[in-house]
Amino acid sequence: MLDLRIPTGLFFAATGIILSAMGVFASSARAALSDANVNLYSGLSMLLFGAFLLLLAYRKRS
């Protein structure tokens, strides 16, 4: 049976990498009502969640 944690983890990790890169390299674009770098913080959290899903999928295989 297909483990859905692998494609979901890859999707979140790839999206997190893209958003984090946009947050680092396009730092002049900020949210309208906030001084926080939303792309960077959401990208890092998505990357962490994707890595967590991939870790869980890896631990089940072993």
PDB file of N, CA and C in Angstrom:
ATOM      1  N   MET A   1       0.841  -1.180   0.000  1.00  0.00           N
ATOM      2  CA  MET A   1       0.000   0.000   0.000  1.00  0.00           C
ATOM      3  C   MET A   1       0.892   1.252   0.000  1.00  0.00           C
ATOM      4  N   LEU A   2       0.450   2.265  -0.704  1.00  0.00           N
ATOM      5  CA  LEU A   2       1.222   3.494  -0.842  1.00  0.00           C
ATOM      6  C   LEU A   2       1.196   4.296   0.461  1.00  0.00           C
ATOM      7  N   ASP A   3       2.357   4.682   0.904  1.00  0.00           N
ATOM      8  CA  ASP A   3       2.459   5.522   2.088  1.00  0.00           C
ATOM      9  C   ASP A   3       2.369   6.981   1.647  1.00  0.00           C
ATOM     10  N   LEU A   4       1.317   7.661   2.026  1.00  0.00           N
ATOM     11  CA  LEU A   4       1.088   9.029   1.577  1.00  0.00           C
ATOM     12  C   LEU A   4       2.005  10.043   2.234  1.00  0.00           C
ATOM     13  N   ARG A   5       2.760   9.630   3.231  1.00  0.00           N
ATOM     14  CA  ARG A   5       3.673  10.573   3.875  1.00  0.00           C
ATOM     15  C   ARG A   5       4.834  10.951   2.972  1.00  0.00           C
ATOM     16  N   ILE A   6       5.207  10.062   2.063  1.00  0.00           N
ATOM     17  CA  ILE A   6       6.354  10.344   1.188  1.00  0.00           C
ATOM     18  C   ILE A   6       6.033  11.450   0.180  1.00  0.00           C
ATOM     19  N   PRO A   7       4.980  11.327  -0.656  1.00  0.00           N
ATOM     20  CA  PRO A   7       4.725  12.439  -1.592  1.00  0.00           C
ATOM     21  C   PRO A   7       4.299  13.724  -0.890  1.00  0.00           C
ATOM     22  N   THR A   8       3.575  13.601   0.223  1.00  0.00           N
ATOM     23  CA  THR A   8       3.175  14.795   0.964  1.00  0.00           C
ATOM     24  C   THR A   8       4.391  15.476   1.579  1.00  0.00           C
ATOM     25  N   GLY A   9       5.294  14.702   2.136  1.00  0.00           N
ATOM     26  CA  GLY A   9       6.521  15.267   2.697  1.00  0.00           C
ATOM     27  C   GLY A   9       7.388  15.913   1.644  1.00  0.00           C
ATOM     28  N   LEU A  10       7.479  15.286   0.461  1.00  0.00           N
ATOM     29  CA  LEU A  10       8.254  15.884  -0.629  1.00  0.00           C
ATOM     30  C   LEU A  10       7.627  17.182  -1.104  1.00  0.00           C
ATOM     31  N   PHE A  11       6.283  17.216  -1.186  1.00  0.00           N
ATOM     32  CA  PHE A  11       5.601  18.432  -1.614  1.00  0.00           C
ATOM     33  C   PHE A  11       5.840  19.570  -0.627  1.00  0.00           C
ATOM     34  N   PHE A  12       5.665  19.307   0.669  1.00  0.00           N
ATOM     35  CA  PHE A  12       5.859  20.350   1.660  1.00  0.00           C
ATOM     36  C   PHE A  12       7.320  20.781   1.726  1.00  0.00           C
ATOM     37  N   ALA A  13       8.258  19.849   1.585  1.00  0.00           N
ATOM     38  CA  ALA A  13       9.670  20.209   1.625  1.00  0.00           C
ATOM     39  C   ALA A  13      10.053  21.075   0.422  1.00  0.00           C
ATOM     40  N   ALA A  14       9.573  20.714  -0.759  1.00  0.00           N
ATOM     41  CA  ALA A  14       9.895  21.499  -1.954  1.00  0.00           C
ATOM     42  C   ALA A  14       9.267  22.889  -1.886  1.00  0.00           C
ATOM     43  N   THR A  15       8.015  22.948  -1.456  1.00  0.00           N
ATOM     44  CA  THR A  15       7.361  24.245  -1.327  1.00  0.00           C
ATOM     45  C   THR A  15       8.038  25.084  -0.252  1.00  0.00           C
ATOM     46  N   GLY A  16       8.464  24.457   0.830  1.00  0.00           N
ATOM     47  CA  GLY A  16       9.168  25.175   1.890  1.00  0.00           C
ATOM     48  C   GLY A  16      10.500  25.727   1.428  1.00  0.00           C
ATOM     49  N   ILE A  17      11.210  24.975   0.595  1.00  0.00           N
ATOM     50  CA  ILE A  17      12.480  25.457   0.058  1.00  0.00           C
ATOM     51  C   ILE A  17      12.250  26.666  -0.840  1.00  0.00           C
ATOM     52  N   ILE A  18      11.229  26.593  -1.684  1.00  0.00           N
ATOM     53  CA  ILE A  18      10.940  27.707  -2.593  1.00  0.00           C
ATOM     54  C   ILE A  18      10.547  28.955  -1.807  1.00  0.00           C
ATOM     55  N   LEU A  19       9.648  28.794  -0.823  1.00  0.00           N
ATOM     56  CA  LEU A  19       9.218  29.951  -0.039  1.00  0.00           C
ATOM     57  C   LEU A  19      10.352  30.528   0.794  1.00  0.00           C
ATOM     58  N   SER A  20      11.192  29.667   1.351  1.00  0.00           N
ATOM     59  CA  SER A  20      12.327  30.166   2.137  1.00  0.00           C
ATOM     60  C   SER A  20      13.301  30.947   1.261  1.00  0.00           C
ATOM     61  N   ALA A  21      13.542  30.444   0.062  1.00  0.00           N
ATOM     62  CA  ALA A  21      14.430  31.161  -0.862  1.00  0.00           C
ATOM     63  C   ALA A  21      13.830  32.503  -1.257  1.00  0.00           C
ATOM     64  N   MET A  22      12.523  32.532  -1.483  1.00  0.00           N
ATOM     65  CA  MET A  22      11.877  33.803  -1.805  1.00  0.00           C
ATOM     66  C   MET A  22      11.950  34.761  -0.623  1.00  0.00           C
ATOM     67  N   GLY A  23      11.859  34.246   0.590  1.00  0.00           N
ATOM     68  CA  GLY A  23      11.952  35.089   1.765  1.00  0.00           C
ATOM     69  C   GLY A  23      13.345  35.650   1.984  1.00  0.00           C
ATOM     70  N   VAL A  24      14.358  34.884   1.609  1.00  0.00           N
ATOM     71  CA  VAL A  24      15.737  35.338   1.794  1.00  0.00           C
ATOM     72  C   VAL A  24      16.138  36.319   0.697  1.00  0.00           C
ATOM     73  N   PHE A  25      15.826  35.985  -0.556  1.00  0.00           N
ATOM     74  CA  PHE A  25      16.313  36.787  -1.669  1.00  0.00           C
ATOM     75  C   PHE A  25      15.413  37.960  -2.023  1.00  0.00           C
ATOM     76  N   ALA A  26      14.159  37.907  -1.679  1.00  0.00           N
ATOM     77  CA  ALA A  26      13.239  39.015  -1.950  1.00  0.00           C
ATOM     78  C   ALA A  26      12.805  39.620  -0.624  1.00  0.00           C
ATOM     79  N   SER A  27      13.784  40.033   0.164  1.00  0.00           N
ATOM     80  CA  SER A  27      13.487  40.494   1.514  1.00  0.00           C
ATOM     81  C   SER A  27      12.815  41.861   1.546  1.00  0.00           C
ATOM     82  N   SER A  28      12.798  42.574   0.422  1.00  0.00           N
ATOM     83  CA  SER A  28      12.148  43.880   0.427  1.00  0.00           C
ATOM     84  C   SER A  28      10.629  43.771   0.354  1.00  0.00           C
ATOM     85  N   ALA A  29      10.105  42.635  -0.113  1.00  0.00           N
ATOM     86  CA  ALA A  29       8.653  42.439  -0.201  1.00  0.00           C
ATOM     87  C   ALA A  29       8.141  41.944   1.146  1.00  0.00           C
ATOM     88  N   ARG A  30       7.406  42.766   1.846  1.00  0.00           N
ATOM     89  CA  ARG A  30       6.862  42.419   3.157  1.00  0.00           C
ATOM     90  C   ARG A  30       5.349  42.386   3.083  1.00  0.00           C
ATOM     91  N   ALA A  31       4.754  41.767   4.088  1.00  0.00           N
ATOM     92  CA  ALA A  31       3.296  41.749   4.164  1.00  0.00           C
ATOM     93  C   ALA A  31       2.792  43.165   4.452  1.00  0.00           C
ATOM     94  N   ALA A  32       1.578  43.447   4.047  1.00  0.00           N
ATOM     95  CA  ALA A  32       1.053  44.810   4.139  1.00  0.00           C
ATOM     96  C   ALA A  32       0.896  45.282   5.587  1.00  0.00           C
ATOM     97  N   LEU A  33       0.451  44.428   6.464  1.00  0.00           N
ATOM     98  CA  LEU A  33       0.166  44.850   7.837  1.00  0.00           C
ATOM     99  C   LEU A  33       1.176  44.321   8.848  1.00  0.00           C
ATOM    100  N   SER A  34       2.303  43.818   8.382  1.00  0.00           N
ATOM    101  CA  SER A  34       3.270  43.232   9.298  1.00  0.00           C
ATOM    102  C   SER A  34       4.687  43.562   8.844  1.00  0.00           C
ATOM    103  N   ASP A  35       5.596  43.598   9.790  1.00  0.00           N
ATOM    104  CA  ASP A  35       7.005  43.785   9.463  1.00  0.00           C
ATOM    105  C   ASP A  35       7.740  42.457   9.363  1.00  0.00           C
ATOM    106  N   ALA A  36       7.025  41.356   9.583  1.00  0.00           N
ATOM    107  CA  ALA A  36       7.647  40.034   9.556  1.00  0.00           C
ATOM    108  C   ALA A  36       7.830  39.568   8.114  1.00  0.00           C
ATOM    109  N   ASN A  37       8.824  38.766   7.888  1.00  0.00           N
ATOM    110  CA  ASN A  37       9.074  38.162   6.589  1.00  0.00           C
ATOM    111  C   ASN A  37       8.245  36.866   6.522  1.00  0.00           C
ATOM    112  N   VAL A  38       7.024  36.985   6.029  1.00  0.00           N
ATOM    113  CA  VAL A  38       6.070  35.880   6.064  1.00  0.00           C
ATOM    114  C   VAL A  38       6.526  34.724   5.183  1.00  0.00           C
ATOM    115  N   ASN A  39       7.115  35.009   4.039  1.00  0.00           N
ATOM    116  CA  ASN A  39       7.593  33.931   3.162  1.00  0.00           C
ATOM    117  C   ASN A  39       8.662  33.096   3.848  1.00  0.00           C
ATOM    118  N   LEU A  40       9.558  33.731   4.543  1.00  0.00           N
ATOM    119  CA  LEU A  40      10.631  33.003   5.205  1.00  0.00           C
ATOM    120  C   LEU A  40      10.091  32.137   6.330  1.00  0.00           C
ATOM    121  N   TYR A  41       9.250  32.699   7.170  1.00  0.00           N
ATOM    122  CA  TYR A  41       8.750  31.937   8.314  1.00  0.00           C
ATOM    123  C   TYR A  41       7.810  30.811   7.903  1.00  0.00           C
ATOM    124  N   SER A  42       6.944  31.055   6.951  1.00  0.00           N
ATOM    125  CA  SER A  42       6.055  29.984   6.503  1.00  0.00           C
ATOM    126  C   SER A  42       6.839  28.931   5.724  1.00  0.00           C
ATOM    127  N   GLY A  43       7.839  29.342   4.967  1.00  0.00           N
ATOM    128  CA  GLY A  43       8.674  28.383   4.250  1.00  0.00           C
ATOM    129  C   GLY A  43       9.466  27.485   5.184  1.00  0.00           C
ATOM    130  N   LEU A  44       9.997  28.052   6.240  1.00  0.00           N
ATOM    131  CA  LEU A  44      10.740  27.237   7.202  1.00  0.00           C
ATOM    132  C   LEU A  44       9.826  26.267   7.938  1.00  0.00           C
ATOM    133  N   SER A  45       8.627  26.712   8.275  1.00  0.00           N
ATOM    134  CA  SER A  45       7.703  25.802   8.953  1.00  0.00           C
ATOM    135  C   SER A  45       7.234  24.689   8.012  1.00  0.00           C
ATOM    136  N   MET A  46       7.010  25.005   6.732  1.00  0.00           N
ATOM    137  CA  MET A  46       6.634  23.965   5.768  1.00  0.00           C
ATOM    138  C   MET A  46       7.779  22.996   5.526  1.00  0.00           C
ATOM    139  N   LEU A  47       8.986  23.503   5.488  1.00  0.00           N
ATOM    140  CA  LEU A  47      10.154  22.640   5.318  1.00  0.00           C
ATOM    141  C   LEU A  47      10.323  21.707   6.516  1.00  0.00           C
ATOM    142  N   LEU A  48      10.113  22.227   7.697  1.00  0.00           N
ATOM    143  CA  LEU A  48      10.206  21.404   8.905  1.00  0.00           C
ATOM    144  C   LEU A  48       9.123  20.334   8.925  1.00  0.00           C
ATOM    145  N   PHE A  49       7.903  20.690   8.543  1.00  0.00           N
ATOM    146  CA  PHE A  49       6.808  19.722   8.507  1.00  0.00           C
ATOM    147  C   PHE A  49       7.069  18.644   7.451  1.00  0.00           C
ATOM    148  N   GLY A  50       7.570  19.024   6.288  1.00  0.00           N
ATOM    149  CA  GLY A  50       7.897  18.043   5.256  1.00  0.00           C
ATOM    150  C   GLY A  50       9.001  17.095   5.695  1.00  0.00           C
ATOM    151  N   ALA A  51      10.008  17.625   6.366  1.00  0.00           N
ATOM    152  CA  ALA A  51      11.084  16.772   6.875  1.00  0.00           C
ATOM    153  C   ALA A  51      10.565  15.823   7.947  1.00  0.00           C
ATOM    154  N   PHE A  52       9.632  16.290   8.759  1.00  0.00           N
ATOM    155  CA  PHE A  52       9.037  15.443   9.783  1.00  0.00           C
ATOM    156  C   PHE A  52       8.248  14.289   9.153  1.00  0.00           C
ATOM    157  N   LEU A  53       7.478  14.571   8.109  1.00  0.00           N
ATOM    158  CA  LEU A  53       6.732  13.514   7.426  1.00  0.00           C
ATOM    159  C   LEU A  53       7.679  12.508   6.771  1.00  0.00           C
ATOM    160  N   LEU A  54       8.739  12.997   6.156  1.00  0.00           N
ATOM    161  CA  LEU A  54       9.711  12.084   5.544  1.00  0.00           C
ATOM    162  C   LEU A  54      10.431  11.242   6.588  1.00  0.00           C
ATOM    163  N   LEU A  55      10.695  11.830   7.746  1.00  0.00           N
ATOM    164  CA  LEU A  55      11.312  11.058   8.831  1.00  0.00           C
ATOM    165  C   LEU A  55      10.386   9.956   9.315  1.00  0.00           C
ATOM    166  N   LEU A  56       9.101  10.276   9.452  1.00  0.00           N
ATOM    167  CA  LEU A  56       8.146   9.252   9.872  1.00  0.00           C
ATOM    168  C   LEU A  56       8.032   8.131   8.840  1.00  0.00           C
ATOM    169  N   ALA A  57       8.041   8.475   7.559  1.00  0.00           N
ATOM    170  CA  ALA A  57       7.972   7.458   6.511  1.00  0.00           C
ATOM    171  C   ALA A  57       9.235   6.601   6.507  1.00  0.00           C
ATOM    172  N   TYR A  58      10.380   7.210   6.742  1.00  0.00           N
ATOM    173  CA  TYR A  58      11.638   6.466   6.784  1.00  0.00           C
ATOM    174  C   TYR A  58      11.676   5.519   7.974  1.00  0.00           C
ATOM    175  N   ARG A  59      11.174   5.983   9.119  1.00  0.00           N
ATOM    176  CA  ARG A  59      11.204   5.128  10.317  1.00  0.00           C
ATOM    177  C   ARG A  59      10.279   3.930  10.174  1.00  0.00           C
ATOM    178  N   LYS A  60       9.179   4.080   9.446  1.00  0.00           N
ATOM    179  CA  LYS A  60       8.273   2.954   9.267  1.00  0.00           C
ATOM    180  C   LYS A  60       8.872   1.902   8.354  1.00  0.00           C
ATOM    181  N   ARG A  61       9.642   2.317   7.352  1.00  0.00           N
ATOM    182  CA  ARG A  61      10.256   1.369   6.427  1.00  0.00           C
ATOM    183  C   ARG A  61      11.329   0.521   7.104  1.00  0.00           C
ATOM    184  N   SER A  62      12.048   1.084   8.032  1.00  0.00           N
ATOM    185  CA  SER A  62      13.169   0.372   8.671  1.00  0.00           C
ATOM    186  C   SER A  62      12.695  -0.631   9.691  1.00  0.00           C
TER     187      SER A  62
END
